[in-house]
Amino acid sequence: DLKANLFDRIFAISVLEHVDQSEAELMVDTMCRLLAP
């Protein structure tokens, strides 16, 4: 439960390869929503 456009920097260090493709895409979509302009 995090607000959109909240973070100035988002790190994911060797994370996305540990989940399947569809979940990785959902995670990146979420990062994009949470990232500040």
All heavy atoms as atom14 arrays in JSON, in Angstrom:
{
  "sequence": "DLKANLFDRIFAISVLEHVDQSEAELMVDTMCRLLAP",
  "atom14_mask": [
    [1, 1, 1, 1, 1, 1, 1, 1, 0, 0, 0, 0, 0, 0],
    [1, 1, 1, 1, 1, 1, 1, 1, 0, 0, 0, 0, 0, 0],
    [1, 1, 1, 1, 1, 1, 1, 1, 1, 0, 0, 0, 0, 0],
    [1, 1, 1, 1, 1, 0, 0, 0, 0, 0, 0, 0, 0, 0],
    [1, 1, 1, 1, 1, 1, 1, 1, 0, 0, 0, 0, 0, 0],
    [1, 1, 1, 1, 1, 1, 1, 1, 0, 0, 0, 0, 0, 0],
    [1, 1, 1, 1, 1, 1, 1, 1, 1, 1, 1, 0, 0, 0],
    [1, 1, 1, 1, 1, 1, 1, 1, 0, 0, 0, 0, 0, 0],
    [1, 1, 1, 1, 1, 1, 1, 1, 1, 1, 1, 0, 0, 0],
    [1, 1, 1, 1, 1, 1, 1, 1, 0, 0, 0, 0, 0, 0],
    [1, 1, 1, 1, 1, 1, 1, 1, 1, 1, 1, 0, 0, 0],
    [1, 1, 1, 1, 1, 0, 0, 0, 0, 0, 0, 0, 0, 0],
    [1, 1, 1, 1, 1, 1, 1, 1, 0, 0, 0, 0, 0, 0],
    [1, 1, 1, 1, 1, 1, 0, 0, 0, 0, 0, 0, 0, 0],
    [1, 1, 1, 1, 1, 1, 1, 0, 0, 0, 0, 0, 0, 0],
    [1, 1, 1, 1, 1, 1, 1, 1, 0, 0, 0, 0, 0, 0],
    [1, 1, 1, 1, 1, 1, 1, 1, 1, 0, 0, 0, 0, 0],
    [1, 1, 1, 1, 1, 1, 1, 1, 1, 1, 0, 0, 0, 0],
    [1, 1, 1, 1, 1, 1, 1, 0, 0, 0, 0, 0, 0, 0],
    [1, 1, 1, 1, 1, 1, 1, 1, 0, 0, 0, 0, 0, 0],
    [1, 1, 1, 1, 1, 1, 1, 1, 1, 0, 0, 0, 0, 0],
    [1, 1, 1, 1, 1, 1, 0, 0, 0, 0, 0, 0, 0, 0],
    [1, 1, 1, 1, 1, 1, 1, 1, 1, 0, 0, 0, 0, 0],
    [1, 1, 1, 1, 1, 0, 0, 0, 0, 0, 0, 0, 0, 0],
    [1, 1, 1, 1, 1, 1, 1, 1, 1, 0, 0, 0, 0, 0],
    [1, 1, 1, 1, 1, 1, 1, 1, 0, 0, 0, 0, 0, 0],
    [1, 1, 1, 1, 1, 1, 1, 1, 0, 0, 0, 0, 0, 0],
    [1, 1, 1, 1, 1, 1, 1, 0, 0, 0, 0, 0, 0, 0],
    [1, 1, 1, 1, 1, 1, 1, 1, 0, 0, 0, 0, 0, 0],
    [1, 1, 1, 1, 1, 1, 1, 0, 0, 0, 0, 0, 0, 0],
    [1, 1, 1, 1, 1, 1, 1, 1, 0, 0, 0, 0, 0, 0],
    [1, 1, 1, 1, 1, 1, 0, 0, 0, 0, 0, 0, 0, 0],
    [1, 1, 1, 1, 1, 1, 1, 1, 1, 1, 1, 0, 0, 0],
    [1, 1, 1, 1, 1, 1, 1, 1, 0, 0, 0, 0, 0, 0],
    [1, 1, 1, 1, 1, 1, 1, 1, 0, 0, 0, 0, 0, 0],
    [1, 1, 1, 1, 1, 0, 0, 0, 0, 0, 0, 0, 0, 0],
    [1, 1, 1, 1, 1, 1, 1, 0, 0, 0, 0, 0, 0, 0]
  ],
  "atom14_positions": [
    [[0.85, -1.19, 0.0], [0.0, 0.0, 0.0], [0.89, 1.24, 0.0], [1.18, 1.83, 1.05], [-0.91, -0.02, 1.23], [-1.9, 1.15, 1.24], [-2.07, 1.77, 0.18], [-2.46, 1.44, 2.32], [0.0, 0.0, 0.0], [0.0, 0.0, 0.0], [0.0, 0.0, 0.0], [0.0, 0.0, 0.0], [0.0, 0.0, 0.0], [0.0, 0.0, 0.0]],
    [[1.34, 1.62, -1.18], [2.24, 2.75, -1.35], [1.64, 3.73, -2.35], [1.02, 3.32, -3.34], [3.61, 2.29, -1.83], [4.42, 1.44, -0.84], [5.61, 0.79, -1.55], [4.91, 2.29, 0.33], [0.0, 0.0, 0.0], [0.0, 0.0, 0.0], [0.0, 0.0, 0.0], [0.0, 0.0, 0.0], [0.0, 0.0, 0.0], [0.0, 0.0, 0.0]],
    [[1.85, 5.01, -2.11], [1.28, 6.04, -2.97], [2.03, 6.13, -4.3], [3.24, 5.92, -4.36], [1.32, 7.39, -2.27], [0.44, 7.48, -1.03], [0.54, 8.86, -0.4], [-0.33, 8.95, 0.85], [-0.22, 10.29, 1.48], [0.0, 0.0, 0.0], [0.0, 0.0, 0.0], [0.0, 0.0, 0.0], [0.0, 0.0, 0.0], [0.0, 0.0, 0.0]],
    [[1.31, 6.49, -5.33], [1.93, 6.71, -6.64], [2.85, 7.93, -6.58], [2.67, 8.84, -5.75], [0.85, 6.91, -7.7], [0.0, 0.0, 0.0], [0.0, 0.0, 0.0], [0.0, 0.0, 0.0], [0.0, 0.0, 0.0], [0.0, 0.0, 0.0], [0.0, 0.0, 0.0], [0.0, 0.0, 0.0], [0.0, 0.0, 0.0], [0.0, 0.0, 0.0]],
    [[3.85, 7.94, -7.45], [4.77, 9.08, -7.6], [5.5, 9.42, -6.3], [5.8, 10.58, -6.03], [4.02, 10.31, -8.11], [3.27, 10.06, -9.4], [3.8, 9.42, -10.31], [2.04, 10.53, -9.47], [0.0, 0.0, 0.0], [0.0, 0.0, 0.0], [0.0, 0.0, 0.0], [0.0, 0.0, 0.0], [0.0, 0.0, 0.0], [0.0, 0.0, 0.0]],
    [[5.8, 8.4, -5.49], [6.32, 8.64, -4.14], [7.84, 8.66, -4.08], [8.42, 9.44, -3.32], [5.79, 7.55, -3.2], [6.2, 7.63, -1.73], [5.68, 8.94, -1.11], [5.67, 6.43, -0.96], [0.0, 0.0, 0.0], [0.0, 0.0, 0.0], [0.0, 0.0, 0.0], [0.0, 0.0, 0.0], [0.0, 0.0, 0.0], [0.0, 0.0, 0.0]],
    [[8.52, 7.85, -4.9], [9.95, 7.62, -4.69], [10.81, 8.3, -5.76], [10.48, 8.29, -6.94], [10.25, 6.12, -4.7], [9.62, 5.39, -3.54], [8.45, 4.67, -3.71], [10.18, 5.45, -2.27], [7.86, 4.0, -2.65], [9.61, 4.79, -1.21], [8.44, 4.06, -1.39], [0.0, 0.0, 0.0], [0.0, 0.0, 0.0], [0.0, 0.0, 0.0]],
    [[11.93, 8.86, -5.3], [12.88, 9.5, -6.2], [13.81, 8.47, -6.85], [14.27, 8.67, -7.98], [13.74, 10.51, -5.43], [12.89, 11.57, -4.77], [12.28, 12.37, -5.5], [12.82, 11.58, -3.52], [0.0, 0.0, 0.0], [0.0, 0.0, 0.0], [0.0, 0.0, 0.0], [0.0, 0.0, 0.0], [0.0, 0.0, 0.0], [0.0, 0.0, 0.0]],
    [[14.09, 7.38, -6.13], [14.92, 6.31, -6.65], [14.3, 4.97, -6.25], [13.84, 4.8, -5.13], [16.35, 6.37, -6.08], [17.12, 7.64, -6.43], [17.54, 7.64, -7.89], [18.4, 8.77, -8.19], [17.96, 9.97, -8.59], [16.65, 10.18, -8.72], [18.81, 10.94, -8.87], [0.0, 0.0, 0.0], [0.0, 0.0, 0.0], [0.0, 0.0, 0.0]],
    [[14.34, 4.01, -7.19], [13.88, 2.65, -6.91], [14.98, 1.69, -7.37], [15.43, 1.76, -8.52], [12.56, 2.33, -7.62], [11.44, 3.26, -7.11], [12.17, 0.86, -7.4], [10.1, 3.06, -7.81], [0.0, 0.0, 0.0], [0.0, 0.0, 0.0], [0.0, 0.0, 0.0], [0.0, 0.0, 0.0], [0.0, 0.0, 0.0], [0.0, 0.0, 0.0]],
    [[15.4, 0.81, -6.46], [16.43, -0.18, -6.76], [15.81, -1.58, -6.76], [15.01, -1.91, -5.89], [17.53, -0.16, -5.7], [18.33, 1.1, -5.63], [17.9, 2.18, -4.87], [19.54, 1.22, -6.3], [18.65, 3.35, -4.79], [20.29, 2.38, -6.24], [19.84, 3.45, -5.47], [0.0, 0.0, 0.0], [0.0, 0.0, 0.0], [0.0, 0.0, 0.0]],
    [[16.21, -2.4, -7.72], [15.91, -3.83, -7.7], [17.17, -4.54, -8.17], [17.45, -4.62, -9.38], [14.73, -4.17, -8.6], [0.0, 0.0, 0.0], [0.0, 0.0, 0.0], [0.0, 0.0, 0.0], [0.0, 0.0, 0.0], [0.0, 0.0, 0.0], [0.0, 0.0, 0.0], [0.0, 0.0, 0.0], [0.0, 0.0, 0.0], [0.0, 0.0, 0.0]],
    [[17.96, -5.0, -7.21], [19.28, -5.57, -7.5], [19.15, -7.09, -7.54], [18.97, -7.75, -6.52], [20.31, -5.14, -6.43], [20.32, -3.62, -6.28], [21.68, -5.67, -6.79], [20.61, -2.88, -7.58], [0.0, 0.0, 0.0], [0.0, 0.0, 0.0], [0.0, 0.0, 0.0], [0.0, 0.0, 0.0], [0.0, 0.0, 0.0], [0.0, 0.0, 0.0]],
    [[19.24, -7.64, -8.76], [19.13, -9.09, -8.98], [17.9, -9.67, -8.3], [17.99, -10.58, -7.48], [20.4, -9.81, -8.51], [21.45, -9.6, -9.41], [0.0, 0.0, 0.0], [0.0, 0.0, 0.0], [0.0, 0.0, 0.0], [0.0, 0.0, 0.0], [0.0, 0.0, 0.0], [0.0, 0.0, 0.0], [0.0, 0.0, 0.0], [0.0, 0.0, 0.0]],
    [[16.76, -9.14, -8.67], [15.47, -9.56, -8.11], [14.57, -10.16, -9.18], [13.98, -11.23, -9.0], [14.75, -8.37, -7.43], [13.33, -8.75, -7.03], [15.53, -7.87, -6.23], [0.0, 0.0, 0.0], [0.0, 0.0, 0.0], [0.0, 0.0, 0.0], [0.0, 0.0, 0.0], [0.0, 0.0, 0.0], [0.0, 0.0, 0.0], [0.0, 0.0, 0.0]],
    [[14.47, -9.5, -10.32], [13.44, -9.84, -11.31], [13.63, -11.22, -11.93], [12.66, -11.85, -12.34], [13.41, -8.77, -12.4], [13.03, -7.36, -11.91], [13.17, -6.35, -13.03], [11.61, -7.35, -11.35], [0.0, 0.0, 0.0], [0.0, 0.0, 0.0], [0.0, 0.0, 0.0], [0.0, 0.0, 0.0], [0.0, 0.0, 0.0], [0.0, 0.0, 0.0]],
    [[14.86, -11.71, -11.98], [15.09, -13.04, -12.58], [14.59, -14.17, -11.69], [14.49, -15.31, -12.14], [16.58, -13.23, -12.88], [17.47, -13.33, -11.67], [17.96, -11.99, -11.17], [17.45, -10.94, -11.65], [18.86, -11.98, -10.3], [0.0, 0.0, 0.0], [0.0, 0.0, 0.0], [0.0, 0.0, 0.0], [0.0, 0.0, 0.0], [0.0, 0.0, 0.0]],
    [[14.28, -13.87, -10.44], [13.83, -14.91, -9.5], [12.33, -15.19, -9.57], [11.84, -16.12, -8.9], [14.22, -14.55, -8.07], [15.68, -14.4, -7.86], [16.58, -15.42, -8.11], [16.43, -13.34, -7.45], [17.81, -15.0, -7.86], [17.75, -13.74, -7.45], [0.0, 0.0, 0.0], [0.0, 0.0, 0.0], [0.0, 0.0, 0.0], [0.0, 0.0, 0.0]],
    [[11.6, -14.39, -10.34], [10.16, -14.6, -10.51], [9.87, -14.86, -11.98], [10.73, -14.65, -12.84], [9.35, -13.38, -10.0], [9.63, -13.14, -8.53], [9.68, -12.13, -10.82], [0.0, 0.0, 0.0], [0.0, 0.0, 0.0], [0.0, 0.0, 0.0], [0.0, 0.0, 0.0], [0.0, 0.0, 0.0], [0.0, 0.0, 0.0], [0.0, 0.0, 0.0]],
    [[8.67, -15.34, -12.28], [8.36, -15.6, -13.69], [8.14, -14.3, -14.44], [8.03, -13.22, -13.85], [7.18, -16.56, -13.83], [5.87, -16.01, -13.27], [5.66, -14.78, -13.3], [5.05, -16.82, -12.81], [0.0, 0.0, 0.0], [0.0, 0.0, 0.0], [0.0, 0.0, 0.0], [0.0, 0.0, 0.0], [0.0, 0.0, 0.0], [0.0, 0.0, 0.0]],
    [[8.08, -14.39, -15.76], [8.03, -13.21, -16.61], [6.83, -12.32, -16.3], [6.95, -11.09, -16.21], [8.0, -13.62, -18.08], [8.0, -12.47, -19.07], [9.34, -11.75, -19.17], [10.39, -12.37, -19.02], [9.31, -10.46, -19.43], [0.0, 0.0, 0.0], [0.0, 0.0, 0.0], [0.0, 0.0, 0.0], [0.0, 0.0, 0.0], [0.0, 0.0, 0.0]],
    [[5.67, -12.91, -16.12], [4.46, -12.11, -15.88], [4.57, -11.34, -14.57], [4.15, -10.17, -14.5], [3.21, -13.0, -15.89], [3.3, -13.99, -14.88], [0.0, 0.0, 0.0], [0.0, 0.0, 0.0], [0.0, 0.0, 0.0], [0.0, 0.0, 0.0], [0.0, 0.0, 0.0], [0.0, 0.0, 0.0], [0.0, 0.0, 0.0], [0.0, 0.0, 0.0]],
    [[5.12, -11.96, -13.53], [5.27, -11.25, -12.26], [6.33, -10.17, -12.36], [6.18, -9.07, -11.79], [5.6, -12.2, -11.12], [5.68, -11.5, -9.78], [5.76, -12.42, -8.59], [5.75, -13.66, -8.78], [5.84, -11.91, -7.45], [0.0, 0.0, 0.0], [0.0, 0.0, 0.0], [0.0, 0.0, 0.0], [0.0, 0.0, 0.0], [0.0, 0.0, 0.0]],
    [[7.41, -10.45, -13.09], [8.44, -9.44, -13.28], [7.87, -8.21, -13.98], [8.18, -7.06, -13.61], [9.6, -10.02, -14.07], [0.0, 0.0, 0.0], [0.0, 0.0, 0.0], [0.0, 0.0, 0.0], [0.0, 0.0, 0.0], [0.0, 0.0, 0.0], [0.0, 0.0, 0.0], [0.0, 0.0, 0.0], [0.0, 0.0, 0.0], [0.0, 0.0, 0.0]],
    [[7.03, -8.43, -14.99], [6.41, -7.31, -15.7], [5.5, -6.52, -14.76], [5.48, -5.28, -14.79], [5.66, -7.83, -16.91], [6.57, -8.38, -17.99], [5.82, -9.03, -19.15], [4.57, -8.97, -19.15], [6.49, -9.59, -20.04], [0.0, 0.0, 0.0], [0.0, 0.0, 0.0], [0.0, 0.0, 0.0], [0.0, 0.0, 0.0], [0.0, 0.0, 0.0]],
    [[4.75, -7.22, -13.93], [3.87, -6.54, -12.98], [4.69, -5.73, -11.97], [4.29, -4.62, -11.59], [2.99, -7.57, -12.26], [1.97, -7.03, -11.26], [1.03, -6.03, -11.91], [1.18, -8.18, -10.64], [0.0, 0.0, 0.0], [0.0, 0.0, 0.0], [0.0, 0.0, 0.0], [0.0, 0.0, 0.0], [0.0, 0.0, 0.0], [0.0, 0.0, 0.0]],
    [[5.81, -6.27, -11.55], [6.66, -5.55, -10.61], [7.21, -4.27, -11.23], [7.22, -3.21, -10.59], [7.8, -6.45, -10.15], [7.35, -7.59, -9.25], [8.7, -8.73, -8.83], [9.72, -7.68, -7.8], [0.0, 0.0, 0.0], [0.0, 0.0, 0.0], [0.0, 0.0, 0.0], [0.0, 0.0, 0.0], [0.0, 0.0, 0.0], [0.0, 0.0, 0.0]],
    [[7.65, -4.34, -12.48], [8.17, -3.14, -13.13], [7.05, -2.13, -13.35], [7.25, -0.91, -13.17], [8.88, -3.49, -14.45], [9.24, -2.23, -15.23], [10.13, -4.31, -14.17], [0.0, 0.0, 0.0], [0.0, 0.0, 0.0], [0.0, 0.0, 0.0], [0.0, 0.0, 0.0], [0.0, 0.0, 0.0], [0.0, 0.0, 0.0], [0.0, 0.0, 0.0]],
    [[5.86, -2.6, -13.71], [4.71, -1.69, -13.84], [4.47, -0.95, -12.52], [4.18, 0.25, -12.5], [3.45, -2.47, -14.22], [3.49, -3.02, -15.64], [4.4, -2.64, -16.4], [2.61, -3.84, -15.97], [0.0, 0.0, 0.0], [0.0, 0.0, 0.0], [0.0, 0.0, 0.0], [0.0, 0.0, 0.0], [0.0, 0.0, 0.0], [0.0, 0.0, 0.0]],
    [[4.57, -1.69, -11.42], [4.35, -1.09, -10.1], [5.45, -0.08, -9.78], [5.18, 1.01, -9.24], [4.31, -2.18, -9.02], [3.3, -3.14, -9.35], [4.0, -1.58, -7.66], [0.0, 0.0, 0.0], [0.0, 0.0, 0.0], [0.0, 0.0, 0.0], [0.0, 0.0, 0.0], [0.0, 0.0, 0.0], [0.0, 0.0, 0.0], [0.0, 0.0, 0.0]],
    [[6.69, -0.42, -10.1], [7.77, 0.53, -9.9], [7.52, 1.84, -10.65], [7.73, 2.94, -10.12], [9.1, -0.06, -10.36], [9.6, -1.22, -9.54], [11.19, -1.84, -10.22], [11.11, -3.55, -9.73], [0.0, 0.0, 0.0], [0.0, 0.0, 0.0], [0.0, 0.0, 0.0], [0.0, 0.0, 0.0], [0.0, 0.0, 0.0], [0.0, 0.0, 0.0]],
    [[7.06, 1.71, -11.88], [6.78, 2.89, -12.69], [5.69, 3.76, -12.05], [5.77, 4.99, -12.06], [6.37, 2.48, -14.1], [7.68, 1.65, -15.02], [0.0, 0.0, 0.0], [0.0, 0.0, 0.0], [0.0, 0.0, 0.0], [0.0, 0.0, 0.0], [0.0, 0.0, 0.0], [0.0, 0.0, 0.0], [0.0, 0.0, 0.0], [0.0, 0.0, 0.0]],
    [[4.7, 3.13, -11.49], [3.62, 3.87, -10.83], [4.12, 4.58, -9.58], [3.73, 5.72, -9.29], [2.47, 2.92, -10.47], [1.31, 3.58, -9.74], [0.2, 2.6, -9.43], [0.62, 1.53, -8.53], [0.66, 1.66, -7.2], [0.35, 2.81, -6.63], [1.03, 0.63, -6.45], [0.0, 0.0, 0.0], [0.0, 0.0, 0.0], [0.0, 0.0, 0.0]],
    [[5.02, 3.94, -8.84], [5.5, 4.5, -7.58], [6.59, 5.56, -7.78], [6.85, 6.36, -6.89], [6.06, 3.38, -6.71], [5.07, 2.3, -6.26], [5.79, 1.2, -5.48], [3.94, 2.89, -5.42], [0.0, 0.0, 0.0], [0.0, 0.0, 0.0], [0.0, 0.0, 0.0], [0.0, 0.0, 0.0], [0.0, 0.0, 0.0], [0.0, 0.0, 0.0]],
    [[7.22, 5.56, -8.95], [8.34, 6.47, -9.2], [7.85, 7.9, -9.42], [6.91, 8.13, -10.17], [9.11, 6.0, -10.43], [10.41, 6.73, -10.75], [11.46, 6.48, -9.66], [10.95, 6.3, -12.12], [0.0, 0.0, 0.0], [0.0, 0.0, 0.0], [0.0, 0.0, 0.0], [0.0, 0.0, 0.0], [0.0, 0.0, 0.0], [0.0, 0.0, 0.0]],
    [[8.49, 8.85, -8.77], [8.14, 10.26, -8.93], [8.61, 10.75, -10.3], [9.6, 10.25, -10.85], [8.78, 11.08, -7.83], [0.0, 0.0, 0.0], [0.0, 0.0, 0.0], [0.0, 0.0, 0.0], [0.0, 0.0, 0.0], [0.0, 0.0, 0.0], [0.0, 0.0, 0.0], [0.0, 0.0, 0.0], [0.0, 0.0, 0.0], [0.0, 0.0, 0.0]],
    [[7.92, 11.73, -10.89], [8.4, 12.32, -12.15], [9.84, 12.8, -12.01], [10.21, 13.44, -11.03], [7.43, 13.5, -12.37], [6.17, 13.07, -11.67], [6.63, 12.31, -10.46], [0.0, 0.0, 0.0], [0.0, 0.0, 0.0], [0.0, 0.0, 0.0], [0.0, 0.0, 0.0], [0.0, 0.0, 0.0], [0.0, 0.0, 0.0], [0.0, 0.0, 0.0]]
  ]
}
